[in-house]
Amino acid sequence: MILMSGQRKQHITLQLDAHHLSLNIPADTEALYRNAAEVINERYRRYSQKLPTSSAEQIWVYVALDMAVNLQADAHAHRLQPIEEKVQELNQMIINILQNNIKE
């Protein structure tokens, strides 16, 4: 994450599996970083259990791919959200028109 000049920084240390990351981050994003570390650690544990004979490097590749696929799926869903909202709005307009025509 790029820090804008003047933003208050905070130093944190995150543990991802056996690795410790020392980071300077915007102070108001600490919870995001800590939550992200929890998600990554959970995925690492899951892949470690499913693939007990795989190396740590292979497991990290699976974790990275899993995270990237989820990111892409979320981005796709986010792009569709305005379309879904518009479809719902149009459906409601059609229902209203049909109900008004039935009353007449």
PDB file of N, CA and C in Angstrom:
ATOM      1  N   MET A   1       0.846  -1.167   0.000  1.00  0.00           N
ATOM      2  CA  MET A   1       0.000   0.000   0.000  1.00  0.00           C
ATOM      3  C   MET A   1       0.897   1.237   0.000  1.00  0.00           C
ATOM      4  N   ILE A   2       0.621   2.178  -0.862  1.00  0.00           N
ATOM      5  CA  ILE A   2       1.417   3.399  -0.969  1.00  0.00           C
ATOM      6  C   ILE A   2       0.930   4.392   0.073  1.00  0.00           C
ATOM      7  N   LEU A   3       1.870   4.942   0.820  1.00  0.00           N
ATOM      8  CA  LEU A   3       1.524   5.918   1.843  1.00  0.00           C
ATOM      9  C   LEU A   3       1.515   7.315   1.242  1.00  0.00           C
ATOM     10  N   MET A   4       0.470   8.051   1.507  1.00  0.00           N
ATOM     11  CA  MET A   4       0.392   9.437   1.067  1.00  0.00           C
ATOM     12  C   MET A   4       1.192  10.270   2.070  1.00  0.00           C
ATOM     13  N   SER A   5       1.810  11.323   1.593  1.00  0.00           N
ATOM     14  CA  SER A   5       2.596  12.144   2.507  1.00  0.00           C
ATOM     15  C   SER A   5       1.676  12.731   3.576  1.00  0.00           C
ATOM     16  N   GLY A   6       2.155  12.738   4.778  1.00  0.00           N
ATOM     17  CA  GLY A   6       1.382  13.280   5.888  1.00  0.00           C
ATOM     18  C   GLY A   6       0.540  12.242   6.617  1.00  0.00           C
ATOM     19  N   GLN A   7       0.406  11.035   6.083  1.00  0.00           N
ATOM     20  CA  GLN A   7      -0.357  10.007   6.772  1.00  0.00           C
ATOM     21  C   GLN A   7       0.453   9.500   7.956  1.00  0.00           C
ATOM     22  N   ARG A   8      -0.256   9.265   9.061  1.00  0.00           N
ATOM     23  CA  ARG A   8       0.392   8.730  10.250  1.00  0.00           C
ATOM     24  C   ARG A   8       0.670   7.252  10.020  1.00  0.00           C
ATOM     25  N   LYS A   9       1.928   6.859  10.250  1.00  0.00           N
ATOM     26  CA  LYS A   9       2.341   5.477  10.043  1.00  0.00           C
ATOM     27  C   LYS A   9       2.373   4.735  11.371  1.00  0.00           C
ATOM     28  N   GLN A  10       2.243   3.440  11.268  1.00  0.00           N
ATOM     29  CA  GLN A  10       2.311   2.589  12.444  1.00  0.00           C
ATOM     30  C   GLN A  10       3.137   1.367  12.082  1.00  0.00           C
ATOM     31  N   HIS A  11       3.981   0.948  13.009  1.00  0.00           N
ATOM     32  CA  HIS A  11       4.789  -0.246  12.795  1.00  0.00           C
ATOM     33  C   HIS A  11       4.052  -1.439  13.379  1.00  0.00           C
ATOM     34  N   ILE A  12       3.913  -2.500  12.576  1.00  0.00           N
ATOM     35  CA  ILE A  12       3.320  -3.744  13.071  1.00  0.00           C
ATOM     36  C   ILE A  12       4.187  -4.909  12.597  1.00  0.00           C
ATOM     37  N   THR A  13       4.041  -6.016  13.287  1.00  0.00           N
ATOM     38  CA  THR A  13       4.690  -7.258  12.877  1.00  0.00           C
ATOM     39  C   THR A  13       3.604  -8.309  12.723  1.00  0.00           C
ATOM     40  N   LEU A  14       3.561  -8.919  11.546  1.00  0.00           N
ATOM     41  CA  LEU A  14       2.592  -9.969  11.275  1.00  0.00           C
ATOM     42  C   LEU A  14       3.325 -11.291  11.152  1.00  0.00           C
ATOM     43  N   GLN A  15       2.667 -12.366  11.579  1.00  0.00           N
ATOM     44  CA  GLN A  15       3.234 -13.694  11.413  1.00  0.00           C
ATOM     45  C   GLN A  15       2.400 -14.431  10.387  1.00  0.00           C
ATOM     46  N   LEU A  16       3.063 -14.839   9.296  1.00  0.00           N
ATOM     47  CA  LEU A  16       2.442 -15.655   8.264  1.00  0.00           C
ATOM     48  C   LEU A  16       3.172 -16.983   8.268  1.00  0.00           C
ATOM     49  N   ASP A  17       2.498 -17.983   8.787  1.00  0.00           N
ATOM     50  CA  ASP A  17       3.091 -19.284   9.026  1.00  0.00           C
ATOM     51  C   ASP A  17       4.333 -19.071   9.887  1.00  0.00           C
ATOM     52  N   ALA A  18       5.506 -19.445   9.424  1.00  0.00           N
ATOM     53  CA  ALA A  18       6.729 -19.296  10.225  1.00  0.00           C
ATOM     54  C   ALA A  18       7.446 -17.986   9.938  1.00  0.00           C
ATOM     55  N   HIS A  19       6.879 -17.156   9.100  1.00  0.00           N
ATOM     56  CA  HIS A  19       7.528 -15.914   8.671  1.00  0.00           C
ATOM     57  C   HIS A  19       6.978 -14.715   9.445  1.00  0.00           C
ATOM     58  N   HIS A  20       7.873 -13.831   9.846  1.00  0.00           N
ATOM     59  CA  HIS A  20       7.485 -12.594  10.507  1.00  0.00           C
ATOM     60  C   HIS A  20       7.726 -11.438   9.541  1.00  0.00           C
ATOM     61  N   LEU A  21       6.697 -10.637   9.337  1.00  0.00           N
ATOM     62  CA  LEU A  21       6.802  -9.473   8.463  1.00  0.00           C
ATOM     63  C   LEU A  21       6.739  -8.222   9.300  1.00  0.00           C
ATOM     64  N   SER A  22       7.719  -7.400   9.176  1.00  0.00           N
ATOM     65  CA  SER A  22       7.770  -6.126   9.877  1.00  0.00           C
ATOM     66  C   SER A  22       7.372  -5.041   8.863  1.00  0.00           C
ATOM     67  N   LEU A  23       6.293  -4.341   9.145  1.00  0.00           N
ATOM     68  CA  LEU A  23       5.729  -3.388   8.188  1.00  0.00           C
ATOM     69  C   LEU A  23       5.468  -2.030   8.814  1.00  0.00           C
ATOM     70  N   ASN A  24       5.611  -0.989   8.017  1.00  0.00           N
ATOM     71  CA  ASN A  24       5.139   0.346   8.378  1.00  0.00           C
ATOM     72  C   ASN A  24       3.925   0.613   7.495  1.00  0.00           C
ATOM     73  N   ILE A  25       2.775   0.798   8.127  1.00  0.00           N
ATOM     74  CA  ILE A  25       1.518   0.922   7.395  1.00  0.00           C
ATOM     75  C   ILE A  25       0.774   2.179   7.855  1.00  0.00           C
ATOM     76  N   PRO A  26      -0.198   2.644   7.070  1.00  0.00           N
ATOM     77  CA  PRO A  26      -1.050   3.729   7.556  1.00  0.00           C
ATOM     78  C   PRO A  26      -1.760   3.258   8.828  1.00  0.00           C
ATOM     79  N   ALA A  27      -1.772   4.082   9.837  1.00  0.00           N
ATOM     80  CA  ALA A  27      -2.293   3.678  11.144  1.00  0.00           C
ATOM     81  C   ALA A  27      -3.739   3.195  11.077  1.00  0.00           C
ATOM     82  N   ASP A  28      -4.525   3.770  10.186  1.00  0.00           N
ATOM     83  CA  ASP A  28      -5.940   3.406  10.136  1.00  0.00           C
ATOM     84  C   ASP A  28      -6.205   2.108   9.371  1.00  0.00           C
ATOM     85  N   THR A  29      -5.152   1.423   8.926  1.00  0.00           N
ATOM     86  CA  THR A  29      -5.343   0.175   8.185  1.00  0.00           C
ATOM     87  C   THR A  29      -4.862  -1.055   8.955  1.00  0.00           C
ATOM     88  N   GLU A  30      -4.506  -0.885  10.202  1.00  0.00           N
ATOM     89  CA  GLU A  30      -3.962  -2.014  10.970  1.00  0.00           C
ATOM     90  C   GLU A  30      -4.909  -3.210  10.984  1.00  0.00           C
ATOM     91  N   ALA A  31      -6.183  -2.968  11.229  1.00  0.00           N
ATOM     92  CA  ALA A  31      -7.143  -4.075  11.290  1.00  0.00           C
ATOM     93  C   ALA A  31      -7.211  -4.811   9.953  1.00  0.00           C
ATOM     94  N   LEU A  32      -7.130  -4.096   8.857  1.00  0.00           N
ATOM     95  CA  LEU A  32      -7.147  -4.739   7.534  1.00  0.00           C
ATOM     96  C   LEU A  32      -5.969  -5.682   7.375  1.00  0.00           C
ATOM     97  N   TYR A  33      -4.787  -5.224   7.774  1.00  0.00           N
ATOM     98  CA  TYR A  33      -3.595  -6.055   7.662  1.00  0.00           C
ATOM     99  C   TYR A  33      -3.676  -7.280   8.567  1.00  0.00           C
ATOM    100  N   ARG A  34      -4.140  -7.076   9.784  1.00  0.00           N
ATOM    101  CA  ARG A  34      -4.225  -8.207  10.719  1.00  0.00           C
ATOM    102  C   ARG A  34      -5.269  -9.226  10.257  1.00  0.00           C
ATOM    103  N   ASN A  35      -6.407  -8.741   9.761  1.00  0.00           N
ATOM    104  CA  ASN A  35      -7.426  -9.649   9.235  1.00  0.00           C
ATOM    105  C   ASN A  35      -6.918 -10.400   8.008  1.00  0.00           C
ATOM    106  N   ALA A  36      -6.207  -9.707   7.141  1.00  0.00           N
ATOM    107  CA  ALA A  36      -5.638 -10.345   5.957  1.00  0.00           C
ATOM    108  C   ALA A  36      -4.660 -11.446   6.369  1.00  0.00           C
ATOM    109  N   ALA A  37      -3.850 -11.184   7.377  1.00  0.00           N
ATOM    110  CA  ALA A  37      -2.895 -12.194   7.857  1.00  0.00           C
ATOM    111  C   ALA A  37      -3.636 -13.422   8.386  1.00  0.00           C
ATOM    112  N   GLU A  38      -4.746 -13.205   9.082  1.00  0.00           N
ATOM    113  CA  GLU A  38      -5.539 -14.331   9.585  1.00  0.00           C
ATOM    114  C   GLU A  38      -6.089 -15.167   8.437  1.00  0.00           C
ATOM    115  N   VAL A  39      -6.595 -14.505   7.399  1.00  0.00           N
ATOM    116  CA  VAL A  39      -7.130 -15.216   6.230  1.00  0.00           C
ATOM    117  C   VAL A  39      -6.026 -16.021   5.566  1.00  0.00           C
ATOM    118  N   ILE A  40      -4.876 -15.407   5.377  1.00  0.00           N
ATOM    119  CA  ILE A  40      -3.752 -16.098   4.738  1.00  0.00           C
ATOM    120  C   ILE A  40      -3.313 -17.296   5.572  1.00  0.00           C
ATOM    121  N   ASN A  41      -3.185 -17.112   6.870  1.00  0.00           N
ATOM    122  CA  ASN A  41      -2.779 -18.220   7.743  1.00  0.00           C
ATOM    123  C   ASN A  41      -3.794 -19.353   7.708  1.00  0.00           C
ATOM    124  N   GLU A  42      -5.077 -19.030   7.677  1.00  0.00           N
ATOM    125  CA  GLU A  42      -6.123 -20.056   7.612  1.00  0.00           C
ATOM    126  C   GLU A  42      -6.004 -20.847   6.313  1.00  0.00           C
ATOM    127  N   ARG A  43      -5.795 -20.157   5.220  1.00  0.00           N
ATOM    128  CA  ARG A  43      -5.657 -20.852   3.930  1.00  0.00           C
ATOM    129  C   ARG A  43      -4.387 -21.704   3.913  1.00  0.00           C
ATOM    130  N   TYR A  44      -3.326 -21.182   4.483  1.00  0.00           N
ATOM    131  CA  TYR A  44      -2.085 -21.956   4.536  1.00  0.00           C
ATOM    132  C   TYR A  44      -2.304 -23.240   5.346  1.00  0.00           C
ATOM    133  N   ARG A  45      -2.978 -23.116   6.488  1.00  0.00           N
ATOM    134  CA  ARG A  45      -3.256 -24.302   7.321  1.00  0.00           C
ATOM    135  C   ARG A  45      -4.113 -25.309   6.546  1.00  0.00           C
ATOM    136  N   ARG A  46      -5.126 -24.813   5.854  1.00  0.00           N
ATOM    137  CA  ARG A  46      -6.021 -25.690   5.094  1.00  0.00           C
ATOM    138  C   ARG A  46      -5.244 -26.459   4.013  1.00  0.00           C
ATOM    139  N   TYR A  47      -4.413 -25.745   3.249  1.00  0.00           N
ATOM    140  CA  TYR A  47      -3.640 -26.420   2.207  1.00  0.00           C
ATOM    141  C   TYR A  47      -2.580 -27.340   2.806  1.00  0.00           C
ATOM    142  N   SER A  48      -2.012 -26.986   3.923  1.00  0.00           N
ATOM    143  CA  SER A  48      -1.026 -27.853   4.585  1.00  0.00           C
ATOM    144  C   SER A  48      -1.665 -29.171   4.991  1.00  0.00           C
ATOM    145  N   GLN A  49      -2.910 -29.102   5.466  1.00  0.00           N
ATOM    146  CA  GLN A  49      -3.618 -30.320   5.867  1.00  0.00           C
ATOM    147  C   GLN A  49      -4.022 -31.157   4.658  1.00  0.00           C
ATOM    148  N   LYS A  50      -4.451 -30.492   3.588  1.00  0.00           N
ATOM    149  CA  LYS A  50      -4.885 -31.222   2.391  1.00  0.00           C
ATOM    150  C   LYS A  50      -3.707 -31.801   1.608  1.00  0.00           C
ATOM    151  N   LEU A  51      -2.565 -31.143   1.696  1.00  0.00           N
ATOM    152  CA  LEU A  51      -1.391 -31.551   0.910  1.00  0.00           C
ATOM    153  C   LEU A  51      -0.188 -31.768   1.825  1.00  0.00           C
ATOM    154  N   PRO A  52      -0.259 -32.763   2.694  1.00  0.00           N
ATOM    155  CA  PRO A  52       0.791 -32.937   3.707  1.00  0.00           C
ATOM    156  C   PRO A  52       2.175 -33.257   3.151  1.00  0.00           C
ATOM    157  N   THR A  53       2.259 -33.760   1.930  1.00  0.00           N
ATOM    158  CA  THR A  53       3.567 -34.086   1.372  1.00  0.00           C
ATOM    159  C   THR A  53       4.152 -32.953   0.534  1.00  0.00           C
ATOM    160  N   SER A  54       3.410 -31.853   0.393  1.00  0.00           N
ATOM    161  CA  SER A  54       3.888 -30.721  -0.407  1.00  0.00           C
ATOM    162  C   SER A  54       4.862 -29.864   0.386  1.00  0.00           C
ATOM    163  N   SER A  55       5.764 -29.238  -0.338  1.00  0.00           N
ATOM    164  CA  SER A  55       6.722 -28.333   0.313  1.00  0.00           C
ATOM    165  C   SER A  55       6.008 -27.036   0.703  1.00  0.00           C
ATOM    166  N   ALA A  56       6.631 -26.292   1.599  1.00  0.00           N
ATOM    167  CA  ALA A  56       6.072 -24.992   1.996  1.00  0.00           C
ATOM    168  C   ALA A  56       5.921 -24.084   0.786  1.00  0.00           C
ATOM    169  N   GLU A  57       6.906 -24.144  -0.109  1.00  0.00           N
ATOM    170  CA  GLU A  57       6.849 -23.315  -1.319  1.00  0.00           C
ATOM    171  C   GLU A  57       5.622 -23.656  -2.164  1.00  0.00           C
ATOM    172  N   GLN A  58       5.350 -24.950  -2.333  1.00  0.00           N
ATOM    173  CA  GLN A  58       4.175 -25.368  -3.108  1.00  0.00           C
ATOM    174  C   GLN A  58       2.884 -24.909  -2.428  1.00  0.00           C
ATOM    175  N   ILE A  59       2.843 -25.021  -1.127  1.00  0.00           N
ATOM    176  CA  ILE A  59       1.642 -24.599  -0.397  1.00  0.00           C
ATOM    177  C   ILE A  59       1.428 -23.101  -0.564  1.00  0.00           C
ATOM    178  N   TRP A  60       2.512 -22.314  -0.496  1.00  0.00           N
ATOM    179  CA  TRP A  60       2.367 -20.864  -0.698  1.00  0.00           C
ATOM    180  C   TRP A  60       1.851 -20.553  -2.099  1.00  0.00           C
ATOM    181  N   VAL A  61       2.232 -21.351  -3.088  1.00  0.00           N
ATOM    182  CA  VAL A  61       1.724 -21.139  -4.447  1.00  0.00           C
ATOM    183  C   VAL A  61       0.214 -21.391  -4.479  1.00  0.00           C
ATOM    184  N   TYR A  62      -0.240 -22.454  -3.829  1.00  0.00           N
ATOM    185  CA  TYR A  62      -1.677 -22.724  -3.756  1.00  0.00           C
ATOM    186  C   TYR A  62      -2.419 -21.593  -3.037  1.00  0.00           C
ATOM    187  N   VAL A  63      -1.845 -21.118  -1.953  1.00  0.00           N
ATOM    188  CA  VAL A  63      -2.472 -20.016  -1.207  1.00  0.00           C
ATOM    189  C   VAL A  63      -2.576 -18.777  -2.091  1.00  0.00           C
ATOM    190  N   ALA A  64      -1.497 -18.453  -2.799  1.00  0.00           N
ATOM    191  CA  ALA A  64      -1.502 -17.280  -3.674  1.00  0.00           C
ATOM    192  C   ALA A  64      -2.553 -17.420  -4.767  1.00  0.00           C
ATOM    193  N   LEU A  65      -2.626 -18.597  -5.379  1.00  0.00           N
ATOM    194  CA  LEU A  65      -3.617 -18.822  -6.430  1.00  0.00           C
ATOM    195  C   LEU A  65      -5.032 -18.723  -5.873  1.00  0.00           C
ATOM    196  N   ASP A  66      -5.273 -19.327  -4.738  1.00  0.00           N
ATOM    197  CA  ASP A  66      -6.582 -19.271  -4.086  1.00  0.00           C
ATOM    198  C   ASP A  66      -6.990 -17.816  -3.829  1.00  0.00           C
ATOM    199  N   MET A  67      -6.065 -17.038  -3.279  1.00  0.00           N
ATOM    200  CA  MET A  67      -6.356 -15.633  -2.971  1.00  0.00           C
ATOM    201  C   MET A  67      -6.629 -14.844  -4.257  1.00  0.00           C
ATOM    202  N   ALA A  68      -5.856 -15.098  -5.305  1.00  0.00           N
ATOM    203  CA  ALA A  68      -6.040 -14.379  -6.566  1.00  0.00           C
ATOM    204  C   ALA A  68      -7.381 -14.729  -7.209  1.00  0.00           C
ATOM    205  N   VAL A  69      -7.754 -15.994  -7.167  1.00  0.00           N
ATOM    206  CA  VAL A  69      -9.051 -16.399  -7.731  1.00  0.00           C
ATOM    207  C   VAL A  69     -10.181 -15.732  -6.960  1.00  0.00           C
ATOM    208  N   ASN A  70     -10.081 -15.721  -5.647  1.00  0.00           N
ATOM    209  CA  ASN A  70     -11.122 -15.072  -4.839  1.00  0.00           C
ATOM    210  C   ASN A  70     -11.191 -13.575  -5.121  1.00  0.00           C
ATOM    211  N   LEU A  71     -10.052 -12.947  -5.297  1.00  0.00           N
ATOM    212  CA  LEU A  71     -10.021 -11.527  -5.624  1.00  0.00           C
ATOM    213  C   LEU A  71     -10.698 -11.265  -6.962  1.00  0.00           C
ATOM    214  N   GLN A  72     -10.400 -12.106  -7.949  1.00  0.00           N
ATOM    215  CA  GLN A  72     -11.023 -11.960  -9.264  1.00  0.00           C
ATOM    216  C   GLN A  72     -12.535 -12.178  -9.188  1.00  0.00           C
ATOM    217  N   ALA A  73     -12.973 -13.166  -8.430  1.00  0.00           N
ATOM    218  CA  ALA A  73     -14.410 -13.434  -8.280  1.00  0.00           C
ATOM    219  C   ALA A  73     -15.114 -12.254  -7.616  1.00  0.00           C
ATOM    220  N   ASP A  74     -14.481 -11.690  -6.579  1.00  0.00           N
ATOM    221  CA  ASP A  74     -15.066 -10.525  -5.906  1.00  0.00           C
ATOM    222  C   ASP A  74     -15.144  -9.329  -6.846  1.00  0.00           C
ATOM    223  N   ALA A  75     -14.100  -9.120  -7.639  1.00  0.00           N
ATOM    224  CA  ALA A  75     -14.095  -8.004  -8.596  1.00  0.00           C
ATOM    225  C   ALA A  75     -15.189  -8.195  -9.634  1.00  0.00           C
ATOM    226  N   HIS A  76     -15.359  -9.427 -10.108  1.00  0.00           N
ATOM    227  CA  HIS A  76     -16.405  -9.710 -11.090  1.00  0.00           C
ATOM    228  C   HIS A  76     -17.790  -9.454 -10.499  1.00  0.00           C
ATOM    229  N   ALA A  77     -18.007  -9.914  -9.278  1.00  0.00           N
ATOM    230  CA  ALA A  77     -19.297  -9.699  -8.610  1.00  0.00           C
ATOM    231  C   ALA A  77     -19.551  -8.216  -8.395  1.00  0.00           C
ATOM    232  N   HIS A  78     -18.511  -7.482  -8.053  1.00  0.00           N
ATOM    233  CA  HIS A  78     -18.651  -6.038  -7.830  1.00  0.00           C
ATOM    234  C   HIS A  78     -19.021  -5.325  -9.130  1.00  0.00           C
ATOM    235  N   ARG A  79     -18.446  -5.756 -10.253  1.00  0.00           N
ATOM    236  CA  ARG A  79     -18.780  -5.150 -11.540  1.00  0.00           C
ATOM    237  C   ARG A  79     -20.221  -5.442 -11.927  1.00  0.00           C
ATOM    238  N   LEU A  80     -20.759  -6.606 -11.519  1.00  0.00           N
ATOM    239  CA  LEU A  80     -22.125  -6.973 -11.867  1.00  0.00           C
ATOM    240  C   LEU A  80     -23.168  -6.322 -10.973  1.00  0.00           C
ATOM    241  N   GLN A  81     -22.774  -5.862  -9.804  1.00  0.00           N
ATOM    242  CA  GLN A  81     -23.726  -5.317  -8.838  1.00  0.00           C
ATOM    243  C   GLN A  81     -24.570  -4.184  -9.423  1.00  0.00           C
ATOM    244  N   PRO A  82     -24.011  -3.174 -10.101  1.00  0.00           N
ATOM    245  CA  PRO A  82     -24.860  -2.114 -10.655  1.00  0.00           C
ATOM    246  C   PRO A  82     -25.849  -2.648 -11.696  1.00  0.00           C
ATOM    247  N   ILE A  83     -25.449  -3.667 -12.444  1.00  0.00           N
ATOM    248  CA  ILE A  83     -26.345  -4.257 -13.437  1.00  0.00           C
ATOM    249  C   ILE A  83     -27.506  -4.951 -12.741  1.00  0.00           C
ATOM    250  N   GLU A  84     -27.204  -5.710 -11.694  1.00  0.00           N
ATOM    251  CA  GLU A  84     -28.258  -6.399 -10.947  1.00  0.00           C
ATOM    252  C   GLU A  84     -29.228  -5.403 -10.324  1.00  0.00           C
ATOM    253  N   GLU A  85     -28.703  -4.298  -9.808  1.00  0.00           N
ATOM    254  CA  GLU A  85     -29.564  -3.276  -9.224  1.00  0.00           C
ATOM    255  C   GLU A  85     -30.476  -2.663 -10.280  1.00  0.00           C
ATOM    256  N   LYS A  86     -29.942  -2.414 -11.459  1.00  0.00           N
ATOM    257  CA  LYS A  86     -30.740  -1.843 -12.545  1.00  0.00           C
ATOM    258  C   LYS A  86     -31.819  -2.828 -12.990  1.00  0.00           C
ATOM    259  N   VAL A  87     -31.486  -4.121 -13.087  1.00  0.00           N
ATOM    260  CA  VAL A  87     -32.467  -5.138 -13.459  1.00  0.00           C
ATOM    261  C   VAL A  87     -33.593  -5.186 -12.430  1.00  0.00           C
ATOM    262  N   GLN A  88     -33.249  -5.120 -11.155  1.00  0.00           N
ATOM    263  CA  GLN A  88     -34.274  -5.113 -10.110  1.00  0.00           C
ATOM    264  C   GLN A  88     -35.173  -3.886 -10.237  1.00  0.00           C
ATOM    265  N   GLU A  89     -34.577  -2.748 -10.512  1.00  0.00           N
ATOM    266  CA  GLU A  89     -35.342  -1.517 -10.690  1.00  0.00           C
ATOM    267  C   GLU A  89     -36.287  -1.642 -11.879  1.00  0.00           C
ATOM    268  N   LEU A  90     -35.807  -2.164 -12.994  1.00  0.00           N
ATOM    269  CA  LEU A  90     -36.640  -2.339 -14.183  1.00  0.00           C
ATOM    270  C   LEU A  90     -37.752  -3.358 -13.935  1.00  0.00           C
ATOM    271  N   ASN A  91     -37.431  -4.430 -13.226  1.00  0.00           N
ATOM    272  CA  ASN A  91     -38.466  -5.416 -12.880  1.00  0.00           C
ATOM    273  C   ASN A  91     -39.566  -4.789 -12.044  1.00  0.00           C
ATOM    274  N   GLN A  92     -39.188  -3.947 -11.095  1.00  0.00           N
ATOM    275  CA  GLN A  92     -40.181  -3.283 -10.254  1.00  0.00           C
ATOM    276  C   GLN A  92     -41.044  -2.339 -11.087  1.00  0.00           C
ATOM    277  N   MET A  93     -40.442  -1.649 -12.032  1.00  0.00           N
ATOM    278  CA  MET A  93     -41.203  -0.763 -12.909  1.00  0.00           C
ATOM    279  C   MET A  93     -42.210  -1.570 -13.736  1.00  0.00           C
ATOM    280  N   ILE A  94     -41.800  -2.723 -14.252  1.00  0.00           N
ATOM    281  CA  ILE A  94     -42.697  -3.572 -15.030  1.00  0.00           C
ATOM    282  C   ILE A  94     -43.852  -4.065 -14.169  1.00  0.00           C
ATOM    283  N   ILE A  95     -43.547  -4.490 -12.967  1.00  0.00           N
ATOM    284  CA  ILE A  95     -44.600  -4.948 -12.042  1.00  0.00           C
ATOM    285  C   ILE A  95     -45.589  -3.825 -11.773  1.00  0.00           C
ATOM    286  N   ASN A  96     -45.084  -2.620 -11.524  1.00  0.00           N
ATOM    287  CA  ASN A  96     -45.961  -1.478 -11.257  1.00  0.00           C
ATOM    288  C   ASN A  96     -46.853  -1.178 -12.451  1.00  0.00           C
ATOM    289  N   ILE A  97     -46.292  -1.219 -13.661  1.00  0.00           N
ATOM    290  CA  ILE A  97     -47.071  -0.951 -14.874  1.00  0.00           C
ATOM    291  C   ILE A  97     -48.145  -2.009 -15.061  1.00  0.00           C
ATOM    292  N   LEU A  98     -47.763  -3.276 -14.858  1.00  0.00           N
ATOM    293  CA  LEU A  98     -48.740  -4.358 -15.017  1.00  0.00           C
ATOM    294  C   LEU A  98     -49.857  -4.255 -13.989  1.00  0.00           C
ATOM    295  N   GLN A  99     -49.516  -3.921 -12.754  1.00  0.00           N
ATOM    296  CA  GLN A  99     -50.524  -3.777 -11.715  1.00  0.00           C
ATOM    297  C   GLN A  99     -51.464  -2.620 -12.028  1.00  0.00           C
ATOM    298  N   ASN A 100     -50.948  -1.524 -12.550  1.00  0.00           N
ATOM    299  CA  ASN A 100     -51.781  -0.374 -12.916  1.00  0.00           C
ATOM    300  C   ASN A 100     -52.690  -0.712 -14.080  1.00  0.00           C
ATOM    301  N   ASN A 101     -52.214  -1.499 -15.041  1.00  0.00           N
ATOM    302  CA  ASN A 101     -53.023  -1.881 -16.189  1.00  0.00           C
ATOM    303  C   ASN A 101     -54.139  -2.841 -15.773  1.00  0.00           C
ATOM    304  N   ILE A 102     -53.869  -3.708 -14.810  1.00  0.00           N
ATOM    305  CA  ILE A 102     -54.891  -4.635 -14.332  1.00  0.00           C
ATOM    306  C   ILE A 102     -56.008  -3.876 -13.624  1.00  0.00           C
ATOM    307  N   LYS A 103     -55.666  -2.833 -12.897  1.00  0.00           N
ATOM    308  CA  LYS A 103     -56.665  -2.033 -12.159  1.00  0.00           C
ATOM    309  C   LYS A 103     -57.575  -1.286 -13.101  1.00  0.00           C
ATOM    310  N   GLU A 104     -57.089  -0.913 -14.276  1.00  0.00           N
ATOM    311  CA  GLU A 104     -57.865  -0.105 -15.217  1.00  0.00           C
ATOM    312  C   GLU A 104     -58.841  -0.900 -15.954  1.00  0.00           C
TER     313      GLU A 104
END
